[in-house]
PDB file of N, CA and C in Angstrom:
ATOM      1  N   MET A   1     111.869 143.904 134.148  1.00  0.00           N
ATOM      2  CA  MET A   1     111.558 144.187 135.525  1.00  0.00           C
ATOM      3  C   MET A   1     112.477 145.317 135.996  1.00  0.00           C
ATOM      4  N   PRO A   2     111.922 146.369 136.553  1.00  0.00           N
ATOM      5  CA  PRO A   2     112.747 147.491 137.007  1.00  0.00           C
ATOM      6  C   PRO A   2     113.674 147.076 138.142  1.00  0.00           C
ATOM      7  N   ALA A   3     114.853 147.677 138.162  1.00  0.00           N
ATOM      8  CA  ALA A   3     115.804 147.417 139.251  1.00  0.00           C
ATOM      9  C   ALA A   3     115.314 148.145 140.499  1.00  0.00           C
ATOM     10  N   PRO A   4     115.305 147.469 141.656  1.00  0.00           N
ATOM     11  CA  PRO A   4     114.816 148.122 142.879  1.00  0.00           C
ATOM     12  C   PRO A   4     115.804 149.158 143.394  1.00  0.00           C
ATOM     13  N   ALA A   5     115.280 150.161 144.043  1.00  0.00           N
ATOM     14  CA  ALA A   5     116.098 151.205 144.648  1.00  0.00           C
ATOM     15  C   ALA A   5     115.822 151.239 146.143  1.00  0.00           C
ATOM     16  N   ASP A   6     116.707 151.849 146.892  1.00  0.00           N
ATOM     17  CA  ASP A   6     116.525 152.052 148.325  1.00  0.00           C
ATOM     18  C   ASP A   6     116.941 153.482 148.617  1.00  0.00           C
ATOM     19  N   GLU A   7     116.000 154.406 148.424  1.00  0.00           N
ATOM     20  CA  GLU A   7     116.277 155.835 148.555  1.00  0.00           C
ATOM     21  C   GLU A   7     116.807 156.187 149.942  1.00  0.00           C
ATOM     22  N   GLU A   8     116.299 155.522 150.973  1.00  0.00           N
ATOM     23  CA  GLU A   8     116.704 155.819 152.344  1.00  0.00           C
ATOM     24  C   GLU A   8     118.204 155.612 152.552  1.00  0.00           C
ATOM     25  N   ARG A   9     118.769 154.614 151.878  1.00  0.00           N
ATOM     26  CA  ARG A   9     120.200 154.332 152.005  1.00  0.00           C
ATOM     27  C   ARG A   9     121.014 154.922 150.856  1.00  0.00           C
ATOM     28  N   GLY A  10     120.369 155.660 149.963  1.00  0.00           N
ATOM     29  CA  GLY A  10     121.077 156.266 148.847  1.00  0.00           C
ATOM     30  C   GLY A  10     121.447 155.279 147.759  1.00  0.00           C
ATOM     31  N   VAL A  11     120.668 154.193 147.644  1.00  0.00           N
ATOM     32  CA  VAL A  11     120.931 153.173 146.629  1.00  0.00           C
ATOM     33  C   VAL A  11     119.964 153.378 145.477  1.00  0.00           C
ATOM     34  N   ARG A  12     120.492 153.439 144.282  1.00  0.00           N
ATOM     35  CA  ARG A  12     119.618 153.571 143.122  1.00  0.00           C
ATOM     36  C   ARG A  12     119.728 152.322 142.265  1.00  0.00           C
ATOM     37  N   GLY A  13     118.647 151.970 141.637  1.00  0.00           N
ATOM     38  CA  GLY A  13     118.636 150.806 140.752  1.00  0.00           C
ATOM     39  C   GLY A  13     118.821 151.253 139.310  1.00  0.00           C
ATOM     40  N   VAL A  14     119.571 150.492 138.559  1.00  0.00           N
ATOM     41  CA  VAL A  14     119.833 150.818 137.164  1.00  0.00           C
ATOM     42  C   VAL A  14     119.586 149.570 136.325  1.00  0.00           C
ATOM     43  N   ASP A  15     118.785 149.708 135.287  1.00  0.00           N
ATOM     44  CA  ASP A  15     118.567 148.610 134.356  1.00  0.00           C
ATOM     45  C   ASP A  15     119.676 148.620 133.317  1.00  0.00           C
ATOM     46  N   VAL A  16     120.263 147.476 133.081  1.00  0.00           N
ATOM     47  CA  VAL A  16     121.327 147.354 132.097  1.00  0.00           C
ATOM     48  C   VAL A  16     120.907 146.305 131.077  1.00  0.00           C
ATOM     49  N   TYR A  17     120.975 146.665 129.823  1.00  0.00           N
ATOM     50  CA  TYR A  17     120.625 145.740 128.754  1.00  0.00           C
ATOM     51  C   TYR A  17     121.875 145.417 127.961  1.00  0.00           C
ATOM     52  N   VAL A  18     122.088 144.158 127.710  1.00  0.00           N
ATOM     53  CA  VAL A  18     123.251 143.741 126.933  1.00  0.00           C
ATOM     54  C   VAL A  18     122.783 142.896 125.760  1.00  0.00           C
ATOM     55  N   ARG A  19     123.631 142.816 124.775  1.00  0.00           N
ATOM     56  CA  ARG A  19     123.312 141.970 123.635  1.00  0.00           C
ATOM     57  C   ARG A  19     124.453 140.994 123.432  1.00  0.00           C
ATOM     58  N   SER A  20     124.117 139.835 122.994  1.00  0.00           N
ATOM     59  CA  SER A  20     125.120 138.827 122.725  1.00  0.00           C
ATOM     60  C   SER A  20     125.789 139.164 121.394  1.00  0.00           C
ATOM     61  N   ASP A  21     127.077 139.433 121.436  1.00  0.00           N
ATOM     62  CA  ASP A  21     127.799 139.833 120.237  1.00  0.00           C
ATOM     63  C   ASP A  21     129.179 139.183 120.272  1.00  0.00           C
ATOM     64  N   ALA A  22     129.298 138.036 119.624  1.00  0.00           N
ATOM     65  CA  ALA A  22     130.544 137.270 119.654  1.00  0.00           C
ATOM     66  C   ALA A  22     131.718 138.068 119.085  1.00  0.00           C
ATOM     67  N   ASP A  23     131.502 138.831 118.033  1.00  0.00           N
ATOM     68  CA  ASP A  23     132.585 139.631 117.443  1.00  0.00           C
ATOM     69  C   ASP A  23     133.095 140.679 118.421  1.00  0.00           C
ATOM     70  N   GLN A  24     132.170 141.336 119.098  1.00  0.00           N
ATOM     71  CA  GLN A  24     132.550 142.361 120.056  1.00  0.00           C
ATOM     72  C   GLN A  24     133.304 141.732 121.236  1.00  0.00           C
ATOM     73  N   LEU A  25     132.828 140.606 121.726  1.00  0.00           N
ATOM     74  CA  LEU A  25     133.501 139.922 122.825  1.00  0.00           C
ATOM     75  C   LEU A  25     134.895 139.477 122.398  1.00  0.00           C
ATOM     76  N   SER A  26     135.011 138.967 121.200  1.00  0.00           N
ATOM     77  CA  SER A  26     136.305 138.546 120.671  1.00  0.00           C
ATOM     78  C   SER A  26     137.269 139.726 120.606  1.00  0.00           C
ATOM     79  N   ASN A  27     136.768 140.871 120.208  1.00  0.00           N
ATOM     80  CA  ASN A  27     137.597 142.082 120.148  1.00  0.00           C
ATOM     81  C   ASN A  27     138.064 142.489 121.549  1.00  0.00           C
ATOM     82  N   LEU A  28     137.181 142.403 122.527  1.00  0.00           N
ATOM     83  CA  LEU A  28     137.563 142.744 123.898  1.00  0.00           C
ATOM     84  C   LEU A  28     138.635 141.793 124.422  1.00  0.00           C
ATOM     85  N   VAL A  29     138.487 140.504 124.139  1.00  0.00           N
ATOM     86  CA  VAL A  29     139.491 139.523 124.560  1.00  0.00           C
ATOM     87  C   VAL A  29     140.836 139.832 123.908  1.00  0.00           C
ATOM     88  N   ALA A  30     140.820 140.172 122.634  1.00  0.00           N
ATOM     89  CA  ALA A  30     142.057 140.512 121.926  1.00  0.00           C
ATOM     90  C   ALA A  30     142.710 141.749 122.543  1.00  0.00           C
ATOM     91  N   MET A  31     141.904 142.740 122.934  1.00  0.00           N
ATOM     92  CA  MET A  31     142.436 143.939 123.570  1.00  0.00           C
ATOM     93  C   MET A  31     143.097 143.603 124.905  1.00  0.00           C
ATOM     94  N   VAL A  32     142.477 142.713 125.676  1.00  0.00           N
ATOM     95  CA  VAL A  32     143.079 142.283 126.939  1.00  0.00           C
ATOM     96  C   VAL A  32     144.393 141.570 126.660  1.00  0.00           C
ATOM     97  N   ASP A  33     144.384 140.667 125.671  1.00  0.00           N
ATOM     98  CA  ASP A  33     145.592 139.916 125.325  1.00  0.00           C
ATOM     99  C   ASP A  33     146.737 140.830 124.890  1.00  0.00           C
ATOM    100  N   ARG A  34     146.422 141.925 124.214  1.00  0.00           N
ATOM    101  CA  ARG A  34     147.445 142.877 123.752  1.00  0.00           C
ATOM    102  C   ARG A  34     147.853 143.869 124.835  1.00  0.00           C
ATOM    103  N   GLY A  35     147.164 143.831 125.968  1.00  0.00           N
ATOM    104  CA  GLY A  35     147.466 144.763 127.052  1.00  0.00           C
ATOM    105  C   GLY A  35     146.851 146.132 126.864  1.00  0.00           C
ATOM    106  N   GLU A  36     145.914 146.264 125.937  1.00  0.00           N
ATOM    107  CA  GLU A  36     145.265 147.550 125.674  1.00  0.00           C
ATOM    108  C   GLU A  36     144.079 147.807 126.606  1.00  0.00           C
ATOM    109  N   LEU A  37     143.587 146.764 127.226  1.00  0.00           N
ATOM    110  CA  LEU A  37     142.436 146.880 128.122  1.00  0.00           C
ATOM    111  C   LEU A  37     142.769 146.135 129.399  1.00  0.00           C
ATOM    112  N   CYS A  38     142.673 146.834 130.501  1.00  0.00           N
ATOM    113  CA  CYS A  38     142.993 146.222 131.793  1.00  0.00           C
ATOM    114  C   CYS A  38     141.876 146.548 132.773  1.00  0.00           C
ATOM    115  N   VAL A  39     141.342 145.533 133.406  1.00  0.00           N
ATOM    116  CA  VAL A  39     140.335 145.712 134.445  1.00  0.00           C
ATOM    117  C   VAL A  39     140.978 145.265 135.753  1.00  0.00           C
ATOM    118  N   ASP A  40     141.146 146.199 136.666  1.00  0.00           N
ATOM    119  CA  ASP A  40     141.736 145.871 137.960  1.00  0.00           C
ATOM    120  C   ASP A  40     140.671 145.255 138.861  1.00  0.00           C
ATOM    121  N   VAL A  41     140.878 144.009 139.220  1.00  0.00           N
ATOM    122  CA  VAL A  41     139.944 143.295 140.087  1.00  0.00           C
ATOM    123  C   VAL A  41     140.570 143.207 141.471  1.00  0.00           C
ATOM    124  N   ALA A  42     139.891 143.773 142.453  1.00  0.00           N
ATOM    125  CA  ALA A  42     140.410 143.784 143.815  1.00  0.00           C
ATOM    126  C   ALA A  42     140.128 142.476 144.538  1.00  0.00           C
ATOM    127  N   ASP A  43     139.011 141.825 144.185  1.00  0.00           N
ATOM    128  CA  ASP A  43     138.633 140.613 144.911  1.00  0.00           C
ATOM    129  C   ASP A  43     137.699 139.771 144.071  1.00  0.00           C
ATOM    130  N   ARG A  44     137.692 138.496 144.371  1.00  0.00           N
ATOM    131  CA  ARG A  44     136.755 137.544 143.775  1.00  0.00           C
ATOM    132  C   ARG A  44     136.077 136.824 144.926  1.00  0.00           C
ATOM    133  N   VAL A  45     134.744 136.843 144.941  1.00  0.00           N
ATOM    134  CA  VAL A  45     134.018 136.217 146.050  1.00  0.00           C
ATOM    135  C   VAL A  45     132.923 135.303 145.515  1.00  0.00           C
ATOM    136  N   PRO A  46     132.632 134.232 146.254  1.00  0.00           N
ATOM    137  CA  PRO A  46     131.521 133.374 145.846  1.00  0.00           C
ATOM    138  C   PRO A  46     130.188 134.103 146.050  1.00  0.00           C
ATOM    139  N   LEU A  47     129.198 133.723 145.279  1.00  0.00           N
ATOM    140  CA  LEU A  47     127.877 134.348 145.343  1.00  0.00           C
ATOM    141  C   LEU A  47     127.323 134.345 146.765  1.00  0.00           C
ATOM    142  N   ALA A  48     127.622 133.302 147.518  1.00  0.00           N
ATOM    143  CA  ALA A  48     127.119 133.200 148.892  1.00  0.00           C
ATOM    144  C   ALA A  48     127.623 134.332 149.786  1.00  0.00           C
ATOM    145  N   GLU A  49     128.707 135.009 149.392  1.00  0.00           N
ATOM    146  CA  GLU A  49     129.272 136.101 150.187  1.00  0.00           C
ATOM    147  C   GLU A  49     128.897 137.481 149.655  1.00  0.00           C
ATOM    148  N   LEU A  50     127.891 137.543 148.801  1.00  0.00           N
ATOM    149  CA  LEU A  50     127.492 138.820 148.208  1.00  0.00           C
ATOM    150  C   LEU A  50     127.073 139.838 149.265  1.00  0.00           C
ATOM    151  N   SER A  51     126.446 139.377 150.336  1.00  0.00           N
ATOM    152  CA  SER A  51     126.025 140.315 151.388  1.00  0.00           C
ATOM    153  C   SER A  51     127.228 141.012 152.015  1.00  0.00           C
ATOM    154  N   THR A  52     128.366 140.320 152.106  1.00  0.00           N
ATOM    155  CA  THR A  52     129.586 140.929 152.627  1.00  0.00           C
ATOM    156  C   THR A  52     130.074 142.040 151.709  1.00  0.00           C
ATOM    157  N   VAL A  53     129.985 141.807 150.412  1.00  0.00           N
ATOM    158  CA  VAL A  53     130.378 142.832 149.437  1.00  0.00           C
ATOM    159  C   VAL A  53     129.501 144.062 149.602  1.00  0.00           C
ATOM    160  N   HIS A  54     128.197 143.856 149.736  1.00  0.00           N
ATOM    161  CA  HIS A  54     127.278 144.983 149.918  1.00  0.00           C
ATOM    162  C   HIS A  54     127.588 145.731 151.220  1.00  0.00           C
ATOM    163  N   ALA A  55     127.892 144.985 152.271  1.00  0.00           N
ATOM    164  CA  ALA A  55     128.201 145.630 153.553  1.00  0.00           C
ATOM    165  C   ALA A  55     129.453 146.491 153.433  1.00  0.00           C
ATOM    166  N   LYS A  56     130.490 145.975 152.779  1.00  0.00           N
ATOM    167  CA  LYS A  56     131.716 146.756 152.593  1.00  0.00           C
ATOM    168  C   LYS A  56     131.442 147.995 151.751  1.00  0.00           C
ATOM    169  N   ALA A  57     130.635 147.845 150.717  1.00  0.00           N
ATOM    170  CA  ALA A  57     130.294 148.992 149.872  1.00  0.00           C
ATOM    171  C   ALA A  57     129.552 150.041 150.691  1.00  0.00           C
ATOM    172  N   GLY A  58     128.671 149.581 151.561  1.00  0.00           N
ATOM    173  CA  GLY A  58     127.898 150.499 152.392  1.00  0.00           C
ATOM    174  C   GLY A  58     128.733 151.285 153.381  1.00  0.00           C
ATOM    175  N   THR A  59     129.830 150.698 153.831  1.00  0.00           N
ATOM    176  CA  THR A  59     130.696 151.395 154.790  1.00  0.00           C
ATOM    177  C   THR A  59     131.841 152.124 154.104  1.00  0.00           C
ATOM    178  N   GLY A  60     131.924 151.990 152.781  1.00  0.00           N
ATOM    179  CA  GLY A  60     132.979 152.671 152.043  1.00  0.00           C
ATOM    180  C   GLY A  60     134.324 151.964 152.125  1.00  0.00           C
ATOM    181  N   THR A  61     134.329 150.683 152.494  1.00  0.00           N
ATOM    182  CA  THR A  61     135.592 149.957 152.638  1.00  0.00           C
ATOM    183  C   THR A  61     135.826 148.949 151.517  1.00  0.00           C
ATOM    184  N   LEU A  62     135.040 149.013 150.472  1.00  0.00           N
ATOM    185  CA  LEU A  62     135.235 148.122 149.331  1.00  0.00           C
ATOM    186  C   LEU A  62     136.477 148.577 148.583  1.00  0.00           C
ATOM    187  N   PRO A  63     137.462 147.685 148.389  1.00  0.00           N
ATOM    188  CA  PRO A  63     138.740 148.117 147.831  1.00  0.00           C
ATOM    189  C   PRO A  63     138.756 148.380 146.327  1.00  0.00           C
ATOM    190  N   GLY A  64     137.731 147.980 145.614  1.00  0.00           N
ATOM    191  CA  GLY A  64     137.710 148.178 144.166  1.00  0.00           C
ATOM    192  C   GLY A  64     136.733 147.224 143.501  1.00  0.00           C
ATOM    193  N   LYS A  65     137.000 146.888 142.255  1.00  0.00           N
ATOM    194  CA  LYS A  65     136.114 146.010 141.497  1.00  0.00           C
ATOM    195  C   LYS A  65     136.094 144.619 142.119  1.00  0.00           C
ATOM    196  N   VAL A  66     134.900 144.036 142.200  1.00  0.00           N
ATOM    197  CA  VAL A  66     134.735 142.702 142.776  1.00  0.00           C
ATOM    198  C   VAL A  66     134.026 141.827 141.754  1.00  0.00           C
ATOM    199  N   VAL A  67     134.574 140.654 141.527  1.00  0.00           N
ATOM    200  CA  VAL A  67     133.945 139.671 140.658  1.00  0.00           C
ATOM    201  C   VAL A  67     133.200 138.692 141.552  1.00  0.00           C
ATOM    202  N   VAL A  68     131.898 138.542 141.301  1.00  0.00           N
ATOM    203  CA  VAL A  68     131.090 137.593 142.070  1.00  0.00           C
ATOM    204  C   VAL A  68     131.028 136.304 141.265  1.00  0.00           C
ATOM    205  N   LEU A  69     131.485 135.232 141.887  1.00  0.00           N
ATOM    206  CA  LEU A  69     131.568 133.930 141.194  1.00  0.00           C
ATOM    207  C   LEU A  69     130.283 133.140 141.419  1.00  0.00           C
ATOM    208  N   PRO A  70     129.645 132.706 140.342  1.00  0.00           N
ATOM    209  CA  PRO A  70     128.413 131.924 140.486  1.00  0.00           C
ATOM    210  C   PRO A  70     128.714 130.548 141.045  1.00  0.00           C
ATOM    211  N   VAL A  71     127.696 129.967 141.611  1.00  0.00           N
ATOM    212  CA  VAL A  71     127.814 128.608 142.132  1.00  0.00           C
ATOM    213  C   VAL A  71     127.768 127.661 140.939  1.00  0.00           C
ATOM    214  N   VAL A  72     128.736 126.775 140.842  1.00  0.00           N
ATOM    215  CA  VAL A  72     128.784 125.812 139.755  1.00  0.00           C
ATOM    216  C   VAL A  72     128.280 124.483 140.290  1.00  0.00           C
ATOM    217  N   ALA A  73     127.205 124.004 139.661  1.00  0.00           N
ATOM    218  CA  ALA A  73     126.622 122.736 140.127  1.00  0.00           C
ATOM    219  C   ALA A  73     127.174 121.572 139.356  1.00  0.00           C
TER     220      ALA A  73
END
């Protein structure tokens, strides 16, 4: 399914395809453990607050990478 875009607001949709690769994931974890790979996370928000993240992004006030936490049932 194509990712939706909103040209009026300057939003473009991008399709991303990933593959499950345990060896590659293990290598990434090892790189993080060795300090060779660092991802700076500015905030972690629950999925219910995703609209707030979009609003901040729209106003240019998003401080950096945001991890959206899924709802755990």
